[in-house]
Protein backbone atom coordinates (compact mmCIF):
# COMPACT_ATOMS: atom_id res chain seq x y z
CA UNK A 1 60.94 76.80 68.88
CA UNK A 2 60.64 78.86 72.05
CA UNK A 3 63.40 78.77 74.64
CA UNK A 4 62.13 78.01 78.10
CA UNK A 5 65.26 79.25 79.85
CA UNK A 6 65.41 82.89 80.65
CA UNK A 7 68.74 84.60 80.89
CA UNK A 8 69.18 86.90 83.84
CA UNK A 9 70.75 90.27 83.31
CA UNK A 10 71.05 92.67 86.23
CA UNK A 11 69.67 96.13 85.83
CA UNK A 12 72.26 98.47 84.27
CA UNK A 13 72.43 100.70 87.36
CA UNK A 14 73.02 97.70 89.65
CA UNK A 15 75.72 96.41 87.34
CA UNK A 16 77.41 99.82 87.28
CA UNK A 17 77.26 100.07 91.07
CA UNK A 18 78.80 96.62 91.53
CA UNK A 19 81.47 97.41 88.94
CA UNK A 20 82.33 100.65 90.77
CA UNK A 21 82.51 98.79 94.08
CA UNK A 22 84.78 96.10 92.64
CA UNK A 23 86.93 98.77 91.02
CA UNK A 24 87.20 100.69 94.28
CA UNK A 25 88.09 97.58 96.28
CA UNK A 26 90.64 96.66 93.63
CA UNK A 27 92.25 100.11 93.84
CA UNK A 28 92.38 99.94 97.65
CA UNK A 29 94.03 96.52 97.54
CA UNK A 30 96.48 97.72 94.88
CA UNK A 31 97.36 100.79 96.97
CA UNK A 32 97.95 98.68 100.08
CA UNK A 33 100.14 96.26 98.14
CA UNK A 34 102.13 99.11 96.55
CA UNK A 35 102.63 100.81 99.94
CA UNK A 36 103.77 97.53 101.49
CA UNK A 37 106.18 96.91 98.62
CA UNK A 38 107.56 100.46 98.94
CA UNK A 39 108.00 100.05 102.72
CA UNK A 40 109.81 96.73 102.30
CA UNK A 41 112.00 98.17 99.56
CA UNK A 42 112.88 101.17 101.74
CA UNK A 43 113.65 98.86 104.65
CA UNK A 44 116.11 96.96 102.46
CA UNK A 45 117.79 100.21 101.40
CA UNK A 46 117.97 101.50 104.96
CA UNK A 47 119.61 98.25 106.07
CA UNK A 48 122.30 99.01 103.48
CA UNK A 49 123.00 102.33 105.27
CA UNK A 50 124.23 100.29 108.20
CA UNK A 51 127.34 99.38 106.17
CA UNK A 52 128.34 103.03 105.68
CA UNK A 53 131.11 104.67 107.65
CA UNK A 54 130.08 106.68 110.73
CA UNK A 55 131.42 109.88 109.17
CA UNK A 56 129.20 109.46 106.13
CA UNK A 57 126.18 108.78 108.35
CA UNK A 58 127.03 111.90 110.36
CA UNK A 59 127.15 113.94 107.14
CA UNK A 60 123.62 112.72 106.46
CA UNK A 61 122.58 113.68 109.97
CA UNK A 62 122.13 110.07 111.07
CA UNK A 63 123.58 107.59 113.51
CA UNK A 64 123.45 103.81 113.61
CA UNK A 65 120.96 104.09 116.46
CA UNK A 66 118.69 106.13 114.17
CA UNK A 67 118.80 103.35 111.59
CA UNK A 68 117.99 100.70 114.20
CA UNK A 69 115.12 102.82 115.55
CA UNK A 70 113.65 103.29 112.07
CA UNK A 71 113.87 99.58 111.27
CA UNK A 72 112.12 98.66 114.53
CA UNK A 73 109.00 100.53 113.45
CA UNK A 74 105.89 98.65 112.40
CA UNK A 75 105.88 96.98 108.99
CA UNK A 76 103.17 99.35 107.76
CA UNK A 77 105.33 102.39 108.58
CA UNK A 78 107.82 103.60 105.99
CA UNK A 79 111.18 103.67 107.82
CA UNK A 80 112.55 106.33 105.47
CA UNK A 81 109.95 108.75 106.85
CA UNK A 82 111.06 107.89 110.39
CA UNK A 83 114.70 108.54 109.45
CA UNK A 84 113.79 111.85 107.87
CA UNK A 85 111.88 112.93 110.99
CA UNK A 86 114.81 111.93 113.22
CA UNK A 87 117.26 113.86 111.05
CA UNK A 88 115.05 116.98 110.97
CA UNK A 89 114.58 116.91 114.75
CA UNK A 90 118.33 116.59 115.28
CA UNK A 91 119.03 119.48 112.89
CA UNK A 92 116.40 121.69 114.57
CA UNK A 93 117.83 120.90 118.00
CA UNK A 94 121.35 121.73 116.83
CA UNK A 95 120.21 125.06 115.36
CA UNK A 96 118.30 125.88 118.54
CA UNK A 97 121.46 125.25 120.60
CA UNK A 98 123.53 127.44 118.28
CA UNK A 99 120.97 130.28 118.50
CA UNK A 100 120.82 130.03 122.29
CA UNK A 101 124.61 130.13 122.54
CA UNK A 102 124.75 133.10 120.18
CA UNK A 103 122.06 134.99 122.08
CA UNK A 104 123.65 134.25 125.46
CA UNK A 105 127.04 135.55 124.23
CA UNK A 106 125.61 139.00 123.34
């Protein structure tokens, strides 16, 4: 007996292209989800810094205002990067002041 139904199978190159597209979209979605999870996790950890003593924050080169500023950033921005940038800028400014004072005292 002959089957009257014909099964459809896409051409191998079309199937490979669609598989690559789906894989790429899947990786993009996974990367976005992982970045969002990391940002939220870092936000939770940075909120915990708020409970530290001011002296400890100063030793880290941070203030409570820095923490608040970092947490006010957009949800897609990692607040730990903002805190690091703030700390580096403060350290560079402090070193610049020290150098200027040293050079002016010569």
